[in-house]
Amino acid sequence: MPRVWGGVYPCYVNLVLAISVSQKCLAVLLFTGVAAPIAGLLFRHVAGSWDSIGKGPFAIEQELPPMRPAATPVPADPAIQAAEVRQMLEAKAERLRRRGKAPLDVEAEAKRLLAPASEPAAAAARHNDELRAEVRQLVVSRNERRLRKGLDPLDVEAETDRQLDDFIGSP
């Protein structure tokens, strides 16, 4: 068979045919096991840009700035708070007056809003009726499940109060 060089094949065809399958496997293993990792390490150490691949402002895994501790809220001056509440209520009353609706008693509303939260009336006002009804429905359904399992029933009203205190916080 004539050797073809520079024709259709890039090398001697007889040379490729003369190499056995095990020698071809050994060549592939040497390349993938030795030469490719060495080339990768060289590229990594020689070119410093390897570490910047996948980084930048649009990268998913970027280092976030350290978290600052949350600032503690400064208690508001009661006089300033009362003045601001009255100012907002007066603006609301003026809007209602312009629409032709019933006027708002600014002083009574300001007194209600500025009342300390420790009073029982203020605590009861926080648990509005709609939220209370929804939580009560959840407690009733939980009670029905408990009864189906053969467990003791819950006191619905006490459990509703407990749930509301957990959600909103006790006064």
C-alpha atoms as a PDB file:
ATOM      1  CA  MET A   1       0.000   0.000   0.000  1.00  0.00           C
ATOM      2  CA  PRO A   2       1.386   3.359  -0.891  1.00  0.00           C
ATOM      3  CA  ARG A   3       1.930   5.944   1.794  1.00  0.00           C
ATOM      4  CA  VAL A   4      -0.261   8.967   1.377  1.00  0.00           C
ATOM      5  CA  TRP A   5       1.251  12.166   2.668  1.00  0.00           C
ATOM      6  CA  GLY A   6      -0.151  15.615   1.909  1.00  0.00           C
ATOM      7  CA  GLY A   7      -3.134  14.136   0.175  1.00  0.00           C
ATOM      8  CA  VAL A   8      -6.426  13.377   1.808  1.00  0.00           C
ATOM      9  CA  TYR A   9      -4.945  12.212   5.142  1.00  0.00           C
ATOM     10  CA  PRO A  10      -2.857  14.483   7.414  1.00  0.00           C
ATOM     11  CA  CYS A  11      -0.376  11.728   8.321  1.00  0.00           C
ATOM     12  CA  TYR A  12       0.796   8.348   7.152  1.00  0.00           C
ATOM     13  CA  VAL A  13      -2.202   6.052   7.113  1.00  0.00           C
ATOM     14  CA  ASN A  14      -0.019   3.007   7.722  1.00  0.00           C
ATOM     15  CA  LEU A  15       1.261   4.551  10.961  1.00  0.00           C
ATOM     16  CA  VAL A  16      -2.279   4.984  12.382  1.00  0.00           C
ATOM     17  CA  LEU A  17      -3.223   1.476  11.309  1.00  0.00           C
ATOM     18  CA  ALA A  18      -0.038   0.030  12.795  1.00  0.00           C
ATOM     19  CA  ILE A  19      -0.771   1.268  16.331  1.00  0.00           C
ATOM     20  CA  SER A  20      -2.773  -1.238  18.359  1.00  0.00           C
ATOM     21  CA  VAL A  21      -5.946  -0.405  20.267  1.00  0.00           C
ATOM     22  CA  SER A  22      -4.213  -0.679  23.635  1.00  0.00           C
ATOM     23  CA  GLN A  23      -1.522   1.759  22.504  1.00  0.00           C
ATOM     24  CA  LYS A  24      -4.204   4.207  21.354  1.00  0.00           C
ATOM     25  CA  CYS A  25      -5.948   3.894  24.749  1.00  0.00           C
ATOM     26  CA  LEU A  26      -2.662   4.475  26.531  1.00  0.00           C
ATOM     27  CA  ALA A  27      -2.056   7.619  24.468  1.00  0.00           C
ATOM     28  CA  VAL A  28      -5.533   8.985  25.285  1.00  0.00           C
ATOM     29  CA  LEU A  29      -5.132   8.177  28.991  1.00  0.00           C
ATOM     30  CA  LEU A  30      -1.723   9.824  29.134  1.00  0.00           C
ATOM     31  CA  PHE A  31      -3.067  12.920  27.493  1.00  0.00           C
ATOM     32  CA  THR A  32      -6.195  13.206  29.660  1.00  0.00           C
ATOM     33  CA  GLY A  33      -4.532  12.047  32.879  1.00  0.00           C
ATOM     34  CA  VAL A  34      -1.174  13.812  32.664  1.00  0.00           C
ATOM     35  CA  ALA A  35      -0.841  16.361  29.902  1.00  0.00           C
ATOM     36  CA  ALA A  36      -4.240  18.071  30.242  1.00  0.00           C
ATOM     37  CA  PRO A  37      -4.018  18.592  34.044  1.00  0.00           C
ATOM     38  CA  ILE A  38      -0.466  19.893  33.772  1.00  0.00           C
ATOM     39  CA  ALA A  39      -1.553  22.304  31.048  1.00  0.00           C
ATOM     40  CA  GLY A  40      -4.503  23.429  33.193  1.00  0.00           C
ATOM     41  CA  LEU A  41      -2.282  24.077  36.219  1.00  0.00           C
ATOM     42  CA  LEU A  42       0.200  25.982  34.107  1.00  0.00           C
ATOM     43  CA  PHE A  43      -2.527  28.142  32.629  1.00  0.00           C
ATOM     44  CA  ARG A  44      -3.925  28.783  36.080  1.00  0.00           C
ATOM     45  CA  HIS A  45      -0.638  29.868  37.606  1.00  0.00           C
ATOM     46  CA  VAL A  46       0.711  31.719  34.614  1.00  0.00           C
ATOM     47  CA  ALA A  47      -2.454  33.586  33.719  1.00  0.00           C
ATOM     48  CA  GLY A  48      -3.878  35.439  36.734  1.00  0.00           C
ATOM     49  CA  SER A  49      -7.148  35.978  34.936  1.00  0.00           C
ATOM     50  CA  TRP A  50      -8.228  32.397  35.732  1.00  0.00           C
ATOM     51  CA  ASP A  51      -9.466  33.558  39.132  1.00  0.00           C
ATOM     52  CA  SER A  52     -11.570  36.321  37.595  1.00  0.00           C
ATOM     53  CA  ILE A  53     -13.644  33.953  35.457  1.00  0.00           C
ATOM     54  CA  GLY A  54     -17.223  34.014  36.694  1.00  0.00           C
ATOM     55  CA  LYS A  55     -16.621  37.086  38.835  1.00  0.00           C
ATOM     56  CA  GLY A  56     -17.660  40.663  38.353  1.00  0.00           C
ATOM     57  CA  PRO A  57     -20.650  42.858  39.046  1.00  0.00           C
ATOM     58  CA  PHE A  58     -23.119  40.466  37.415  1.00  0.00           C
ATOM     59  CA  ALA A  59     -21.816  37.267  39.037  1.00  0.00           C
ATOM     60  CA  ILE A  60     -24.218  35.213  41.082  1.00  0.00           C
ATOM     61  CA  GLU A  61     -21.682  34.256  43.740  1.00  0.00           C
ATOM     62  CA  GLN A  62     -20.104  37.511  44.750  1.00  0.00           C
ATOM     63  CA  GLU A  63     -18.904  38.519  48.150  1.00  0.00           C
ATOM     64  CA  LEU A  64     -21.480  40.639  49.917  1.00  0.00           C
ATOM     65  CA  PRO A  65     -20.431  43.547  52.098  1.00  0.00           C
ATOM     66  CA  PRO A  66     -20.368  42.749  55.800  1.00  0.00           C
ATOM     67  CA  MET A  67     -23.648  43.266  57.581  1.00  0.00           C
ATOM     68  CA  ARG A  68     -23.851  46.281  59.838  1.00  0.00           C
ATOM     69  CA  PRO A  69     -25.652  45.853  63.126  1.00  0.00           C
ATOM     70  CA  ALA A  70     -29.187  47.181  63.053  1.00  0.00           C
ATOM     71  CA  ALA A  71     -29.507  50.638  64.477  1.00  0.00           C
ATOM     72  CA  THR A  72     -31.577  50.786  67.602  1.00  0.00           C
ATOM     73  CA  PRO A  73     -34.600  53.033  67.120  1.00  0.00           C
ATOM     74  CA  VAL A  74     -34.460  56.306  68.952  1.00  0.00           C
ATOM     75  CA  PRO A  75     -37.618  56.901  70.998  1.00  0.00           C
ATOM     76  CA  ALA A  76     -39.677  59.752  69.589  1.00  0.00           C
ATOM     77  CA  ASP A  77     -40.320  62.868  71.601  1.00  0.00           C
ATOM     78  CA  PRO A  78     -43.975  62.637  72.734  1.00  0.00           C
ATOM     79  CA  ALA A  79     -44.632  66.321  72.019  1.00  0.00           C
ATOM     80  CA  ILE A  80     -43.325  66.038  68.445  1.00  0.00           C
ATOM     81  CA  GLN A  81     -45.223  62.798  67.923  1.00  0.00           C
ATOM     82  CA  ALA A  82     -48.469  64.363  69.171  1.00  0.00           C
ATOM     83  CA  ALA A  83     -47.997  67.401  66.911  1.00  0.00           C
ATOM     84  CA  GLU A  84     -47.399  65.203  63.857  1.00  0.00           C
ATOM     85  CA  VAL A  85     -50.423  63.017  64.642  1.00  0.00           C
ATOM     86  CA  ARG A  86     -52.654  66.077  64.981  1.00  0.00           C
ATOM     87  CA  GLN A  87     -51.290  67.528  61.731  1.00  0.00           C
ATOM     88  CA  MET A  88     -52.064  64.305  59.806  1.00  0.00           C
ATOM     89  CA  LEU A  89     -55.519  64.051  61.383  1.00  0.00           C
ATOM     90  CA  GLU A  90     -56.293  67.672  60.490  1.00  0.00           C
ATOM     91  CA  ALA A  91     -55.308  66.964  56.879  1.00  0.00           C
ATOM     92  CA  LYS A  92     -57.545  63.881  56.872  1.00  0.00           C
ATOM     93  CA  ALA A  93     -60.421  65.877  58.343  1.00  0.00           C
ATOM     94  CA  GLU A  94     -59.972  68.539  55.656  1.00  0.00           C
ATOM     95  CA  ARG A  95     -60.037  65.912  52.879  1.00  0.00           C
ATOM     96  CA  LEU A  96     -63.214  64.420  54.346  1.00  0.00           C
ATOM     97  CA  ARG A  97     -64.799  67.900  54.574  1.00  0.00           C
ATOM     98  CA  ARG A  98     -63.965  68.618  50.910  1.00  0.00           C
ATOM     99  CA  ARG A  99     -65.571  65.358  49.827  1.00  0.00           C
ATOM    100  CA  GLY A 100     -68.724  66.252  51.714  1.00  0.00           C
ATOM    101  CA  LYS A 101     -68.401  63.429  54.234  1.00  0.00           C
ATOM    102  CA  ALA A 102     -68.850  63.539  57.994  1.00  0.00           C
ATOM    103  CA  PRO A 103     -66.142  65.570  59.746  1.00  0.00           C
ATOM    104  CA  LEU A 104     -63.529  63.877  61.888  1.00  0.00           C
ATOM    105  CA  ASP A 105     -63.121  64.771  65.549  1.00  0.00           C
ATOM    106  CA  VAL A 106     -59.393  65.495  65.519  1.00  0.00           C
ATOM    107  CA  GLU A 107     -58.883  65.720  69.268  1.00  0.00           C
ATOM    108  CA  ALA A 108     -60.764  62.501  70.093  1.00  0.00           C
ATOM    109  CA  GLU A 109     -58.972  60.593  67.342  1.00  0.00           C
ATOM    110  CA  ALA A 110     -55.583  61.970  68.446  1.00  0.00           C
ATOM    111  CA  LYS A 111     -56.306  60.987  72.034  1.00  0.00           C
ATOM    112  CA  ARG A 112     -57.249  57.455  70.907  1.00  0.00           C
ATOM    113  CA  LEU A 113     -54.134  57.073  68.752  1.00  0.00           C
ATOM    114  CA  LEU A 114     -51.730  58.500  71.333  1.00  0.00           C
ATOM    115  CA  ALA A 115     -53.136  56.465  74.246  1.00  0.00           C
ATOM    116  CA  PRO A 116     -50.597  54.090  75.772  1.00  0.00           C
ATOM    117  CA  ALA A 117     -50.793  50.554  74.427  1.00  0.00           C
ATOM    118  CA  SER A 118     -50.912  49.064  77.920  1.00  0.00           C
ATOM    119  CA  GLU A 119     -54.542  50.078  78.439  1.00  0.00           C
ATOM    120  CA  PRO A 120     -57.037  47.221  77.990  1.00  0.00           C
ATOM    121  CA  ALA A 121     -59.135  49.249  75.538  1.00  0.00           C
ATOM    122  CA  ALA A 122     -56.086  49.844  73.321  1.00  0.00           C
ATOM    123  CA  ALA A 123     -55.163  46.153  73.444  1.00  0.00           C
ATOM    124  CA  ALA A 124     -58.702  45.136  72.510  1.00  0.00           C
ATOM    125  CA  ALA A 125     -58.698  47.618  69.622  1.00  0.00           C
ATOM    126  CA  ARG A 126     -55.580  46.005  68.162  1.00  0.00           C
ATOM    127  CA  HIS A 127     -57.406  42.715  67.705  1.00  0.00           C
ATOM    128  CA  ASN A 128     -59.777  43.857  65.029  1.00  0.00           C
ATOM    129  CA  ASP A 129     -62.897  41.864  64.406  1.00  0.00           C
ATOM    130  CA  GLU A 130     -61.965  40.443  60.994  1.00  0.00           C
ATOM    131  CA  LEU A 131     -58.626  39.064  62.194  1.00  0.00           C
ATOM    132  CA  ARG A 132     -60.256  37.656  65.305  1.00  0.00           C
ATOM    133  CA  ALA A 133     -62.936  35.916  63.211  1.00  0.00           C
ATOM    134  CA  GLU A 134     -60.331  34.415  60.889  1.00  0.00           C
ATOM    135  CA  VAL A 135     -58.180  33.128  63.750  1.00  0.00           C
ATOM    136  CA  ARG A 136     -61.282  31.745  65.442  1.00  0.00           C
ATOM    137  CA  GLN A 137     -62.162  29.811  62.249  1.00  0.00           C
ATOM    138  CA  LEU A 138     -58.679  28.299  62.271  1.00  0.00           C
ATOM    139  CA  VAL A 139     -59.018  27.304  65.917  1.00  0.00           C
ATOM    140  CA  VAL A 140     -62.443  25.756  65.289  1.00  0.00           C
ATOM    141  CA  SER A 141     -61.093  23.694  62.382  1.00  0.00           C
ATOM    142  CA  ARG A 142     -58.109  22.591  64.504  1.00  0.00           C
ATOM    143  CA  ASN A 143     -60.552  21.636  67.251  1.00  0.00           C
ATOM    144  CA  GLU A 144     -62.581  19.537  64.809  1.00  0.00           C
ATOM    145  CA  ARG A 145     -59.432  17.689  63.702  1.00  0.00           C
ATOM    146  CA  ARG A 146     -58.534  17.041  67.340  1.00  0.00           C
ATOM    147  CA  LEU A 147     -61.999  15.609  67.984  1.00  0.00           C
ATOM    148  CA  ARG A 148     -61.704  13.298  64.947  1.00  0.00           C
ATOM    149  CA  LYS A 149     -58.387  12.015  66.323  1.00  0.00           C
ATOM    150  CA  GLY A 150     -59.968  11.375  69.694  1.00  0.00           C
ATOM    151  CA  LEU A 151     -58.072  14.142  71.534  1.00  0.00           C
ATOM    152  CA  ASP A 152     -59.536  16.538  74.092  1.00  0.00           C
ATOM    153  CA  PRO A 153     -61.197  19.628  72.606  1.00  0.00           C
ATOM    154  CA  LEU A 154     -59.619  23.060  72.999  1.00  0.00           C
ATOM    155  CA  ASP A 155     -61.251  26.068  74.630  1.00  0.00           C
ATOM    156  CA  VAL A 156     -61.925  28.018  71.420  1.00  0.00           C
ATOM    157  CA  GLU A 157     -61.991  31.511  72.914  1.00  0.00           C
ATOM    158  CA  ALA A 158     -58.883  31.008  75.061  1.00  0.00           C
ATOM    159  CA  GLU A 159     -56.984  29.487  72.134  1.00  0.00           C
ATOM    160  CA  THR A 160     -58.085  32.352  69.869  1.00  0.00           C
ATOM    161  CA  ASP A 161     -56.779  34.880  72.396  1.00  0.00           C
ATOM    162  CA  ARG A 162     -53.515  32.966  72.709  1.00  0.00           C
ATOM    163  CA  GLN A 163     -53.064  32.843  68.915  1.00  0.00           C
ATOM    164  CA  LEU A 164     -53.746  36.571  68.585  1.00  0.00           C
ATOM    165  CA  ASP A 165     -51.243  37.328  71.323  1.00  0.00           C
ATOM    166  CA  ASP A 166     -48.670  35.166  69.507  1.00  0.00           C
ATOM    167  CA  PHE A 167     -49.307  36.900  66.164  1.00  0.00           C
ATOM    168  CA  ILE A 168     -49.547  40.478  67.320  1.00  0.00           C
ATOM    169  CA  GLY A 169     -47.859  40.384  70.701  1.00  0.00           C
ATOM    170  CA  SER A 170     -49.317  40.726  74.110  1.00  0.00           C
ATOM    171  CA  PRO A 171     -49.744  44.267  75.499  1.00  0.00           C
END
